[in-house]
Amino acid sequence: MVDSLVFVAKHKYDAAISLAEEFYLAKISLLYDSLRTYLEVVALAEGYKVLNHECYRSFIEEILHEQQRAKEFNDMRKVRNAINYYGHQVEEADEVQHKLISLISLVKTLF
């Protein structure tokens, strides 16, 4: 299962990176999905099954002891939800993408 999740996360990441900047909303959604999938890998390795996106913030904060990263993840979750569910635009798309890539890099070091 872990190998399959890593495969999916990597493909979402690669797809996001390959998109032109004009598709920034899709890039942000794909990067977030990649991050969440990598977090699922870490959670499974730690013996946890996280059932929703909001609980990943608690997992990062309480299990991984990364309070600042938990806040960053939650902020990215809100941005992704605003895009996917409410059609919001993102004013600072480059900054959001950079934060997501940074969080992905950090999470990948945990497995």
PDB file of N, CA and C in Angstrom:
ATOM      1  N   MET A   1       0.822  -1.187   0.000  1.00  0.00           N
ATOM      2  CA  MET A   1       0.000   0.000   0.000  1.00  0.00           C
ATOM      3  C   MET A   1       0.872   1.260   0.000  1.00  0.00           C
ATOM      4  N   VAL A   2       1.914   1.258   0.796  1.00  0.00           N
ATOM      5  CA  VAL A   2       2.802   2.417   0.881  1.00  0.00           C
ATOM      6  C   VAL A   2       3.421   2.722  -0.474  1.00  0.00           C
ATOM      7  N   ASP A   3       3.903   1.695  -1.148  1.00  0.00           N
ATOM      8  CA  ASP A   3       4.505   1.907  -2.469  1.00  0.00           C
ATOM      9  C   ASP A   3       3.503   2.514  -3.446  1.00  0.00           C
ATOM     10  N   SER A   4       2.283   2.063  -3.407  1.00  0.00           N
ATOM     11  CA  SER A   4       1.245   2.603  -4.290  1.00  0.00           C
ATOM     12  C   SER A   4       0.954   4.063  -3.970  1.00  0.00           C
ATOM     13  N   LEU A   5       0.909   4.388  -2.688  1.00  0.00           N
ATOM     14  CA  LEU A   5       0.652   5.773  -2.297  1.00  0.00           C
ATOM     15  C   LEU A   5       1.799   6.689  -2.711  1.00  0.00           C
ATOM     16  N   VAL A   6       3.021   6.230  -2.543  1.00  0.00           N
ATOM     17  CA  VAL A   6       4.180   7.027  -2.965  1.00  0.00           C
ATOM     18  C   VAL A   6       4.135   7.241  -4.480  1.00  0.00           C
ATOM     19  N   PHE A   7       3.777   6.203  -5.209  1.00  0.00           N
ATOM     20  CA  PHE A   7       3.656   6.297  -6.662  1.00  0.00           C
ATOM     21  C   PHE A   7       2.643   7.371  -7.049  1.00  0.00           C
ATOM     22  N   VAL A   8       1.476   7.355  -6.425  1.00  0.00           N
ATOM     23  CA  VAL A   8       0.419   8.323  -6.715  1.00  0.00           C
ATOM     24  C   VAL A   8       0.876   9.738  -6.334  1.00  0.00           C
ATOM     25  N   ALA A   9       1.452   9.878  -5.167  1.00  0.00           N
ATOM     26  CA  ALA A   9       1.907  11.194  -4.714  1.00  0.00           C
ATOM     27  C   ALA A   9       2.949  11.770  -5.661  1.00  0.00           C
ATOM     28  N   LYS A  10       3.877  10.943  -6.098  1.00  0.00           N
ATOM     29  CA  LYS A  10       4.919  11.395  -7.014  1.00  0.00           C
ATOM     30  C   LYS A  10       4.319  11.827  -8.346  1.00  0.00           C
ATOM     31  N   HIS A  11       3.358  11.067  -8.848  1.00  0.00           N
ATOM     32  CA  HIS A  11       2.734  11.423 -10.122  1.00  0.00           C
ATOM     33  C   HIS A  11       1.957  12.731 -10.029  1.00  0.00           C
ATOM     34  N   LYS A  12       1.277  12.947  -8.928  1.00  0.00           N
ATOM     35  CA  LYS A  12       0.561  14.215  -8.749  1.00  0.00           C
ATOM     36  C   LYS A  12       1.555  15.371  -8.671  1.00  0.00           C
ATOM     37  N   TYR A  13       2.634  15.162  -7.954  1.00  0.00           N
ATOM     38  CA  TYR A  13       3.672  16.183  -7.843  1.00  0.00           C
ATOM     39  C   TYR A  13       4.260  16.493  -9.221  1.00  0.00           C
ATOM     40  N   ASP A  14       4.653  15.453  -9.947  1.00  0.00           N
ATOM     41  CA  ASP A  14       5.253  15.639 -11.273  1.00  0.00           C
ATOM     42  C   ASP A  14       4.279  16.334 -12.230  1.00  0.00           C
ATOM     43  N   ALA A  15       3.015  15.966 -12.160  1.00  0.00           N
ATOM     44  CA  ALA A  15       2.014  16.604 -13.014  1.00  0.00           C
ATOM     45  C   ALA A  15       1.896  18.088 -12.682  1.00  0.00           C
ATOM     46  N   ALA A  16       1.885  18.405 -11.399  1.00  0.00           N
ATOM     47  CA  ALA A  16       1.787  19.810 -10.982  1.00  0.00           C
ATOM     48  C   ALA A  16       2.976  20.615 -11.480  1.00  0.00           C
ATOM     49  N   ILE A  17       4.160  20.067 -11.324  1.00  0.00           N
ATOM     50  CA  ILE A  17       5.380  20.776 -11.720  1.00  0.00           C
ATOM     51  C   ILE A  17       5.414  20.983 -13.235  1.00  0.00           C
ATOM     52  N   SER A  18       4.861  20.051 -13.980  1.00  0.00           N
ATOM     53  CA  SER A  18       4.929  20.137 -15.449  1.00  0.00           C
ATOM     54  C   SER A  18       3.914  21.113 -16.046  1.00  0.00           C
ATOM     55  N   LEU A  19       2.919  21.510 -15.273  1.00  0.00           N
ATOM     56  CA  LEU A  19       1.907  22.423 -15.798  1.00  0.00           C
ATOM     57  C   LEU A  19       2.463  23.838 -15.953  1.00  0.00           C
ATOM     58  N   ALA A  20       1.980  24.534 -16.955  1.00  0.00           N
ATOM     59  CA  ALA A  20       2.354  25.934 -17.155  1.00  0.00           C
ATOM     60  C   ALA A  20       1.792  26.775 -16.012  1.00  0.00           C
ATOM     61  N   GLU A  21       2.431  27.897 -15.740  1.00  0.00           N
ATOM     62  CA  GLU A  21       2.026  28.758 -14.623  1.00  0.00           C
ATOM     63  C   GLU A  21       0.589  29.254 -14.737  1.00  0.00           C
ATOM     64  N   GLU A  22       0.070  29.349 -15.945  1.00  0.00           N
ATOM     65  CA  GLU A  22      -1.304  29.819 -16.113  1.00  0.00           C
ATOM     66  C   GLU A  22      -2.315  28.865 -15.484  1.00  0.00           C
ATOM     67  N   PHE A  23      -1.905  27.637 -15.222  1.00  0.00           N
ATOM     68  CA  PHE A  23      -2.766  26.638 -14.583  1.00  0.00           C
ATOM     69  C   PHE A  23      -2.473  26.542 -13.080  1.00  0.00           C
ATOM     70  N   TYR A  24      -2.191  27.683 -12.477  1.00  0.00           N
ATOM     71  CA  TYR A  24      -1.764  27.712 -11.079  1.00  0.00           C
ATOM     72  C   TYR A  24      -2.788  27.109 -10.120  1.00  0.00           C
ATOM     73  N   LEU A  25      -4.080  27.226 -10.416  1.00  0.00           N
ATOM     74  CA  LEU A  25      -5.072  26.639  -9.516  1.00  0.00           C
ATOM     75  C   LEU A  25      -4.980  25.117  -9.516  1.00  0.00           C
ATOM     76  N   ALA A  26      -4.809  24.544 -10.695  1.00  0.00           N
ATOM     77  CA  ALA A  26      -4.643  23.092 -10.791  1.00  0.00           C
ATOM     78  C   ALA A  26      -3.339  22.665 -10.139  1.00  0.00           C
ATOM     79  N   LYS A  27      -2.284  23.458 -10.320  1.00  0.00           N
ATOM     80  CA  LYS A  27      -0.989  23.134  -9.710  1.00  0.00           C
ATOM     81  C   LYS A  27      -1.108  23.078  -8.190  1.00  0.00           C
ATOM     82  N   ILE A  28      -1.790  24.075  -7.628  1.00  0.00           N
ATOM     83  CA  ILE A  28      -1.954  24.122  -6.176  1.00  0.00           C
ATOM     84  C   ILE A  28      -2.745  22.910  -5.692  1.00  0.00           C
ATOM     85  N   SER A  29      -3.824  22.568  -6.361  1.00  0.00           N
ATOM     86  CA  SER A  29      -4.633  21.408  -5.956  1.00  0.00           C
ATOM     87  C   SER A  29      -3.836  20.117  -6.043  1.00  0.00           C
ATOM     88  N   LEU A  30      -3.084  19.953  -7.130  1.00  0.00           N
ATOM     89  CA  LEU A  30      -2.271  18.741  -7.280  1.00  0.00           C
ATOM     90  C   LEU A  30      -1.156  18.673  -6.243  1.00  0.00           C
ATOM     91  N   LEU A  31      -0.503  19.798  -5.974  1.00  0.00           N
ATOM     92  CA  LEU A  31       0.555  19.808  -4.959  1.00  0.00           C
ATOM     93  C   LEU A  31      -0.011  19.480  -3.582  1.00  0.00           C
ATOM     94  N   TYR A  32      -1.168  20.043  -3.265  1.00  0.00           N
ATOM     95  CA  TYR A  32      -1.790  19.735  -1.978  1.00  0.00           C
ATOM     96  C   TYR A  32      -2.128  18.245  -1.899  1.00  0.00           C
ATOM     97  N   ASP A  33      -2.714  17.693  -2.964  1.00  0.00           N
ATOM     98  CA  ASP A  33      -3.055  16.264  -2.963  1.00  0.00           C
ATOM     99  C   ASP A  33      -1.811  15.399  -2.806  1.00  0.00           C
ATOM    100  N   SER A  34      -0.726  15.807  -3.438  1.00  0.00           N
ATOM    101  CA  SER A  34       0.534  15.087  -3.287  1.00  0.00           C
ATOM    102  C   SER A  34       0.998  15.130  -1.834  1.00  0.00           C
ATOM    103  N   LEU A  35       0.965  16.310  -1.248  1.00  0.00           N
ATOM    104  CA  LEU A  35       1.361  16.469   0.160  1.00  0.00           C
ATOM    105  C   LEU A  35       0.514  15.597   1.059  1.00  0.00           C
ATOM    106  N   ARG A  36      -0.797  15.629   0.885  1.00  0.00           N
ATOM    107  CA  ARG A  36      -1.681  14.842   1.733  1.00  0.00           C
ATOM    108  C   ARG A  36      -1.423  13.351   1.578  1.00  0.00           C
ATOM    109  N   THR A  37      -1.112  12.921   0.373  1.00  0.00           N
ATOM    110  CA  THR A  37      -0.823  11.502   0.145  1.00  0.00           C
ATOM    111  C   THR A  37       0.496  11.109   0.795  1.00  0.00           C
ATOM    112  N   TYR A  38       1.514  11.956   0.680  1.00  0.00           N
ATOM    113  CA  TYR A  38       2.772  11.676   1.380  1.00  0.00           C
ATOM    114  C   TYR A  38       2.559  11.639   2.896  1.00  0.00           C
ATOM    115  N   LEU A  39       1.714  12.521   3.408  1.00  0.00           N
ATOM    116  CA  LEU A  39       1.403  12.489   4.841  1.00  0.00           C
ATOM    117  C   LEU A  39       0.708  11.184   5.222  1.00  0.00           C
ATOM    118  N   GLU A  40      -0.115  10.665   4.337  1.00  0.00           N
ATOM    119  CA  GLU A  40      -0.769   9.379   4.598  1.00  0.00           C
ATOM    120  C   GLU A  40       0.266   8.267   4.726  1.00  0.00           C
ATOM    121  N   VAL A  41       1.300   8.317   3.899  1.00  0.00           N
ATOM    122  CA  VAL A  41       2.380   7.332   3.974  1.00  0.00           C
ATOM    123  C   VAL A  41       3.052   7.401   5.347  1.00  0.00           C
ATOM    124  N   VAL A  42       3.364   8.620   5.783  1.00  0.00           N
ATOM    125  CA  VAL A  42       4.021   8.789   7.085  1.00  0.00           C
ATOM    126  C   VAL A  42       3.103   8.312   8.208  1.00  0.00           C
ATOM    127  N   ALA A  43       1.827   8.660   8.133  1.00  0.00           N
ATOM    128  CA  ALA A  43       0.870   8.244   9.163  1.00  0.00           C
ATOM    129  C   ALA A  43       0.783   6.722   9.236  1.00  0.00           C
ATOM    130  N   LEU A  44       0.688   6.067   8.092  1.00  0.00           N
ATOM    131  CA  LEU A  44       0.630   4.602   8.079  1.00  0.00           C
ATOM    132  C   LEU A  44       1.889   3.989   8.680  1.00  0.00           C
ATOM    133  N   ALA A  45       3.041   4.574   8.358  1.00  0.00           N
ATOM    134  CA  ALA A  45       4.307   4.070   8.907  1.00  0.00           C
ATOM    135  C   ALA A  45       4.357   4.217  10.423  1.00  0.00           C
ATOM    136  N   GLU A  46       3.662   5.242  10.932  1.00  0.00           N
ATOM    137  CA  GLU A  46       3.608   5.461  12.379  1.00  0.00           C
ATOM    138  C   GLU A  46       2.476   4.676  13.042  1.00  0.00           C
ATOM    139  N   GLY A  47       1.699   3.956  12.229  1.00  0.00           N
ATOM    140  CA  GLY A  47       0.617   3.139  12.775  1.00  0.00           C
ATOM    141  C   GLY A  47      -0.716   3.852  12.883  1.00  0.00           C
ATOM    142  N   TYR A  48      -0.888   4.942  12.143  1.00  0.00           N
ATOM    143  CA  TYR A  48      -2.124   5.721  12.205  1.00  0.00           C
ATOM    144  C   TYR A  48      -2.859   5.667  10.876  1.00  0.00           C
ATOM    145  N   LYS A  49      -4.178   5.717  10.961  1.00  0.00           N
ATOM    146  CA  LYS A  49      -5.030   5.861   9.789  1.00  0.00           C
ATOM    147  C   LYS A  49      -5.790   7.172   9.991  1.00  0.00           C
ATOM    148  N   VAL A  50      -5.394   8.193   9.258  1.00  0.00           N
ATOM    149  CA  VAL A  50      -6.013   9.509   9.384  1.00  0.00           C
ATOM    150  C   VAL A  50      -7.198   9.556   8.431  1.00  0.00           C
ATOM    151  N   LEU A  51      -8.357   9.930   8.964  1.00  0.00           N
ATOM    152  CA  LEU A  51      -9.585   9.801   8.191  1.00  0.00           C
ATOM    153  C   LEU A  51     -10.040  11.069   7.475  1.00  0.00           C
ATOM    154  N   ASN A  52      -9.474  12.218   7.806  1.00  0.00           N
ATOM    155  CA  ASN A  52      -9.862  13.424   7.083  1.00  0.00           C
ATOM    156  C   ASN A  52      -8.726  14.437   7.076  1.00  0.00           C
ATOM    157  N   HIS A  53      -8.853  15.414   6.217  1.00  0.00           N
ATOM    158  CA  HIS A  53      -7.783  16.382   6.001  1.00  0.00           C
ATOM    159  C   HIS A  53      -7.502  17.220   7.247  1.00  0.00           C
ATOM    160  N   GLU A  54      -8.537  17.576   7.981  1.00  0.00           N
ATOM    161  CA  GLU A  54      -8.330  18.381   9.188  1.00  0.00           C
ATOM    162  C   GLU A  54      -7.515  17.628  10.235  1.00  0.00           C
ATOM    163  N   CYS A  55      -7.670  16.332  10.295  1.00  0.00           N
ATOM    164  CA  CYS A  55      -6.932  15.539  11.283  1.00  0.00           C
ATOM    165  C   CYS A  55      -5.438  15.462  10.972  1.00  0.00           C
ATOM    166  N   TYR A  56      -5.066  15.716   9.730  1.00  0.00           N
ATOM    167  CA  TYR A  56      -3.632  15.731   9.407  1.00  0.00           C
ATOM    168  C   TYR A  56      -2.919  16.854  10.143  1.00  0.00           C
ATOM    169  N   ARG A  57      -3.598  17.982  10.358  1.00  0.00           N
ATOM    170  CA  ARG A  57      -2.994  19.061  11.133  1.00  0.00           C
ATOM    171  C   ARG A  57      -2.648  18.559  12.532  1.00  0.00           C
ATOM    172  N   SER A  58      -3.579  17.869  13.160  1.00  0.00           N
ATOM    173  CA  SER A  58      -3.328  17.326  14.500  1.00  0.00           C
ATOM    174  C   SER A  58      -2.218  16.289  14.467  1.00  0.00           C
ATOM    175  N   PHE A  59      -2.204  15.455  13.446  1.00  0.00           N
ATOM    176  CA  PHE A  59      -1.156  14.448  13.308  1.00  0.00           C
ATOM    177  C   PHE A  59       0.220  15.117  13.225  1.00  0.00           C
ATOM    178  N   ILE A  60       0.331  16.150  12.398  1.00  0.00           N
ATOM    179  CA  ILE A  60       1.609  16.853  12.237  1.00  0.00           C
ATOM    180  C   ILE A  60       2.022  17.503  13.558  1.00  0.00           C
ATOM    181  N   GLU A  61       1.065  18.100  14.231  1.00  0.00           N
ATOM    182  CA  GLU A  61       1.364  18.815  15.473  1.00  0.00           C
ATOM    183  C   GLU A  61       1.658  17.873  16.635  1.00  0.00           C
ATOM    184  N   GLU A  62       0.806  16.888  16.831  1.00  0.00           N
ATOM    185  CA  GLU A  62       0.891  16.063  18.024  1.00  0.00           C
ATOM    186  C   GLU A  62       1.799  14.843  17.887  1.00  0.00           C
ATOM    187  N   ILE A  63       1.866  14.265  16.715  1.00  0.00           N
ATOM    188  CA  ILE A  63       2.673  13.057  16.525  1.00  0.00           C
ATOM    189  C   ILE A  63       4.059  13.406  15.979  1.00  0.00           C
ATOM    190  N   LEU A  64       4.086  14.300  14.992  1.00  0.00           N
ATOM    191  CA  LEU A  64       5.372  14.678  14.402  1.00  0.00           C
ATOM    192  C   LEU A  64       6.043  15.835  15.144  1.00  0.00           C
ATOM    193  N   HIS A  65       5.308  16.457  16.070  1.00  0.00           N
ATOM    194  CA  HIS A  65       5.829  17.563  16.896  1.00  0.00           C
ATOM    195  C   HIS A  65       6.343  18.722  16.049  1.00  0.00           C
ATOM    196  N   GLU A  66       5.563  19.077  15.062  1.00  0.00           N
ATOM    197  CA  GLU A  66       5.904  20.172  14.139  1.00  0.00           C
ATOM    198  C   GLU A  66       4.760  21.193  14.149  1.00  0.00           C
ATOM    199  N   GLN A  67       4.711  22.042  15.179  1.00  0.00           N
ATOM    200  CA  GLN A  67       3.612  22.983  15.329  1.00  0.00           C
ATOM    201  C   GLN A  67       3.522  23.965  14.160  1.00  0.00           C
ATOM    202  N   GLN A  68       4.650  24.535  13.764  1.00  0.00           N
ATOM    203  CA  GLN A  68       4.642  25.495  12.663  1.00  0.00           C
ATOM    204  C   GLN A  68       4.218  24.832  11.358  1.00  0.00           C
ATOM    205  N   ARG A  69       4.706  23.627  11.110  1.00  0.00           N
ATOM    206  CA  ARG A  69       4.345  22.907   9.892  1.00  0.00           C
ATOM    207  C   ARG A  69       2.859  22.537   9.900  1.00  0.00           C
ATOM    208  N   ALA A  70       2.326  22.243  11.081  1.00  0.00           N
ATOM    209  CA  ALA A  70       0.897  21.938  11.199  1.00  0.00           C
ATOM    210  C   ALA A  70       0.065  23.146  10.803  1.00  0.00           C
ATOM    211  N   LYS A  71       0.482  24.316  11.244  1.00  0.00           N
ATOM    212  CA  LYS A  71      -0.215  25.542  10.868  1.00  0.00           C
ATOM    213  C   LYS A  71      -0.114  25.781   9.368  1.00  0.00           C
ATOM    214  N   GLU A  72       1.074  25.594   8.807  1.00  0.00           N
ATOM    215  CA  GLU A  72       1.262  25.775   7.375  1.00  0.00           C
ATOM    216  C   GLU A  72       0.389  24.804   6.579  1.00  0.00           C
ATOM    217  N   PHE A  73       0.361  23.548   7.018  1.00  0.00           N
ATOM    218  CA  PHE A  73      -0.484  22.567   6.340  1.00  0.00           C
ATOM    219  C   PHE A  73      -1.940  23.007   6.386  1.00  0.00           C
ATOM    220  N   ASN A  74      -2.401  23.431   7.548  1.00  0.00           N
ATOM    221  CA  ASN A  74      -3.795  23.839   7.685  1.00  0.00           C
ATOM    222  C   ASN A  74      -4.108  25.044   6.801  1.00  0.00           C
ATOM    223  N   ASP A  75      -3.174  25.973   6.704  1.00  0.00           N
ATOM    224  CA  ASP A  75      -3.355  27.123   5.814  1.00  0.00           C
ATOM    225  C   ASP A  75      -3.479  26.654   4.358  1.00  0.00           C
ATOM    226  N   MET A  76      -2.648  25.697   3.977  1.00  0.00           N
ATOM    227  CA  MET A  76      -2.699  25.172   2.605  1.00  0.00           C
ATOM    228  C   MET A  76      -3.999  24.403   2.357  1.00  0.00           C
ATOM    229  N   ARG A  77      -4.481  23.722   3.381  1.00  0.00           N
ATOM    230  CA  ARG A  77      -5.764  23.008   3.272  1.00  0.00           C
ATOM    231  C   ARG A  77      -6.884  23.998   2.989  1.00  0.00           C
ATOM    232  N   LYS A  78      -6.859  25.118   3.674  1.00  0.00           N
ATOM    233  CA  LYS A  78      -7.891  26.136   3.475  1.00  0.00           C
ATOM    234  C   LYS A  78      -7.818  26.737   2.077  1.00  0.00           C
ATOM    235  N   VAL A  79      -6.602  26.964   1.581  1.00  0.00           N
ATOM    236  CA  VAL A  79      -6.435  27.493   0.228  1.00  0.00           C
ATOM    237  C   VAL A  79      -6.990  26.487  -0.781  1.00  0.00           C
ATOM    238  N   ARG A  80      -6.616  25.238  -0.626  1.00  0.00           N
ATOM    239  CA  ARG A  80      -7.090  24.187  -1.544  1.00  0.00           C
ATOM    240  C   ARG A  80      -8.602  24.074  -1.504  1.00  0.00           C
ATOM    241  N   ASN A  81      -9.191  24.114  -0.311  1.00  0.00           N
ATOM    242  CA  ASN A  81     -10.648  24.035  -0.200  1.00  0.00           C
ATOM    243  C   ASN A  81     -11.324  25.237  -0.859  1.00  0.00           C
ATOM    244  N   ALA A  82     -10.739  26.412  -0.693  1.00  0.00           N
ATOM    245  CA  ALA A  82     -11.296  27.617  -1.312  1.00  0.00           C
ATOM    246  C   ALA A  82     -11.304  27.497  -2.833  1.00  0.00           C
ATOM    247  N   ILE A  83     -10.254  26.885  -3.375  1.00  0.00           N
ATOM    248  CA  ILE A  83     -10.172  26.665  -4.822  1.00  0.00           C
ATOM    249  C   ILE A  83     -11.178  25.603  -5.257  1.00  0.00           C
ATOM    250  N   ASN A  84     -11.112  24.444  -4.620  1.00  0.00           N
ATOM    251  CA  ASN A  84     -11.902  23.292  -5.078  1.00  0.00           C
ATOM    252  C   ASN A  84     -13.397  23.419  -4.818  1.00  0.00           C
ATOM    253  N   TYR A  85     -13.780  24.040  -3.708  1.00  0.00           N
ATOM    254  CA  TYR A  85     -15.184  24.032  -3.334  1.00  0.00           C
ATOM    255  C   TYR A  85     -15.897  25.367  -3.540  1.00  0.00           C
ATOM    256  N   TYR A  86     -15.134  26.453  -3.615  1.00  0.00           N
ATOM    257  CA  TYR A  86     -15.760  27.771  -3.717  1.00  0.00           C
ATOM    258  C   TYR A  86     -15.301  28.566  -4.933  1.00  0.00           C
ATOM    259  N   GLY A  87     -14.393  28.002  -5.730  1.00  0.00           N
ATOM    260  CA  GLY A  87     -13.946  28.660  -6.939  1.00  0.00           C
ATOM    261  C   GLY A  87     -13.142  29.926  -6.718  1.00  0.00           C
ATOM    262  N   HIS A  88     -12.525  30.045  -5.559  1.00  0.00           N
ATOM    263  CA  HIS A  88     -11.744  31.241  -5.259  1.00  0.00           C
ATOM    264  C   HIS A  88     -10.455  31.278  -6.065  1.00  0.00           C
ATOM    265  N   GLN A  89     -10.034  32.477  -6.361  1.00  0.00           N
ATOM    266  CA  GLN A  89      -8.739  32.706  -6.987  1.00  0.00           C
ATOM    267  C   GLN A  89      -7.692  32.826  -5.879  1.00  0.00           C
ATOM    268  N   VAL A  90      -6.430  32.698  -6.229  1.00  0.00           N
ATOM    269  CA  VAL A  90      -5.348  32.804  -5.254  1.00  0.00           C
ATOM    270  C   VAL A  90      -4.446  33.954  -5.687  1.00  0.00           C
ATOM    271  N   GLU A  91      -4.340  34.949  -4.829  1.00  0.00           N
ATOM    272  CA  GLU A  91      -3.556  36.131  -5.172  1.00  0.00           C
ATOM    273  C   GLU A  91      -2.054  35.863  -5.147  1.00  0.00           C
ATOM    274  N   GLU A  92      -1.599  35.065  -4.228  1.00  0.00           N
ATOM    275  CA  GLU A  92      -0.167  34.802  -4.082  1.00  0.00           C
ATOM    276  C   GLU A  92       0.133  33.343  -4.419  1.00  0.00           C
ATOM    277  N   ALA A  93      -0.182  32.967  -5.648  1.00  0.00           N
ATOM    278  CA  ALA A  93      -0.062  31.573  -6.079  1.00  0.00           C
ATOM    279  C   ALA A  93       1.368  31.066  -5.990  1.00  0.00           C
ATOM    280  N   ASP A  94       2.350  31.901  -6.345  1.00  0.00           N
ATOM    281  CA  ASP A  94       3.749  31.465  -6.281  1.00  0.00           C
ATOM    282  C   ASP A  94       4.152  31.127  -4.854  1.00  0.00           C
ATOM    283  N   GLU A  95       3.729  31.952  -3.907  1.00  0.00           N
ATOM    284  CA  GLU A  95       4.049  31.706  -2.501  1.00  0.00           C
ATOM    285  C   GLU A  95       3.392  30.418  -2.000  1.00  0.00           C
ATOM    286  N   VAL A  96       2.147  30.206  -2.373  1.00  0.00           N
ATOM    287  CA  VAL A  96       1.425  28.989  -1.972  1.00  0.00           C
ATOM    288  C   VAL A  96       2.118  27.760  -2.542  1.00  0.00           C
ATOM    289  N   GLN A  97       2.471  27.812  -3.825  1.00  0.00           N
ATOM    290  CA  GLN A  97       3.162  26.683  -4.446  1.00  0.00           C
ATOM    291  C   GLN A  97       4.499  26.422  -3.755  1.00  0.00           C
ATOM    292  N   HIS A  98       5.234  27.472  -3.445  1.00  0.00           N
ATOM    293  CA  HIS A  98       6.526  27.317  -2.767  1.00  0.00           C
ATOM    294  C   HIS A  98       6.345  26.658  -1.400  1.00  0.00           C
ATOM    295  N   LYS A  99       5.332  27.080  -0.641  1.00  0.00           N
ATOM    296  CA  LYS A  99       5.074  26.478   0.675  1.00  0.00           C
ATOM    297  C   LYS A  99       4.712  25.003   0.537  1.00  0.00           C
ATOM    298  N   LEU A 100       3.882  24.683  -0.443  1.00  0.00           N
ATOM    299  CA  LEU A 100       3.503  23.285  -0.645  1.00  0.00           C
ATOM    300  C   LEU A 100       4.709  22.435  -1.011  1.00  0.00           C
ATOM    301  N   ILE A 101       5.536  22.918  -1.901  1.00  0.00           N
ATOM    302  CA  ILE A 101       6.743  22.176  -2.292  1.00  0.00           C
ATOM    303  C   ILE A 101       7.673  21.996  -1.094  1.00  0.00           C
ATOM    304  N   SER A 102       7.795  23.021  -0.276  1.00  0.00           N
ATOM    305  CA  SER A 102       8.625  22.929   0.927  1.00  0.00           C
ATOM    306  C   SER A 102       8.075  21.889   1.899  1.00  0.00           C
ATOM    307  N   LEU A 103       6.769  21.890   2.105  1.00  0.00           N
ATOM    308  CA  LEU A 103       6.157  20.899   2.998  1.00  0.00           C
ATOM    309  C   LEU A 103       6.315  19.486   2.441  1.00  0.00           C
ATOM    310  N   ILE A 104       6.169  19.330   1.140  1.00  0.00           N
ATOM    311  CA  ILE A 104       6.357  18.013   0.527  1.00  0.00           C
ATOM    312  C   ILE A 104       7.783  17.530   0.758  1.00  0.00           C
ATOM    313  N   SER A 105       8.745  18.405   0.559  1.00  0.00           N
ATOM    314  CA  SER A 105      10.152  18.035   0.779  1.00  0.00           C
ATOM    315  C   SER A 105      10.384  17.590   2.212  1.00  0.00           C
ATOM    316  N   LEU A 106       9.810  18.311   3.155  1.00  0.00           N
ATOM    317  CA  LEU A 106       9.964  17.941   4.563  1.00  0.00           C
ATOM    318  C   LEU A 106       9.343  16.580   4.842  1.00  0.00           C
ATOM    319  N   VAL A 107       8.130  16.367   4.386  1.00  0.00           N
ATOM    320  CA  VAL A 107       7.426  15.112   4.665  1.00  0.00           C
ATOM    321  C   VAL A 107       8.150  13.930   4.040  1.00  0.00           C
ATOM    322  N   LYS A 108       8.712  14.126   2.851  1.00  0.00           N
ATOM    323  CA  LYS A 108       9.426  13.032   2.198  1.00  0.00           C
ATOM    324  C   LYS A 108      10.652  12.601   2.987  1.00  0.00           C
ATOM    325  N   THR A 109      11.217  13.457   3.815  1.00  0.00           N
ATOM    326  CA  THR A 109      12.368  13.073   4.630  1.00  0.00           C
ATOM    327  C   THR A 109      11.959  12.185   5.804  1.00  0.00           C
ATOM    328  N   LEU A 110      10.643  12.091   6.065  1.00  0.00           N
ATOM    329  CA  LEU A 110      10.169  11.345   7.222  1.00  0.00           C
ATOM    330  C   LEU A 110       9.916   9.867   6.956  1.00  0.00           C
ATOM    331  N   PHE A 111      10.090   9.430   5.700  1.00  0.00           N
ATOM    332  CA  PHE A 111       9.911   7.995   5.419  1.00  0.00           C
ATOM    333  C   PHE A 111      11.029   7.452   4.582  1.00  0.00           C
TER     334      PHE A 111
END
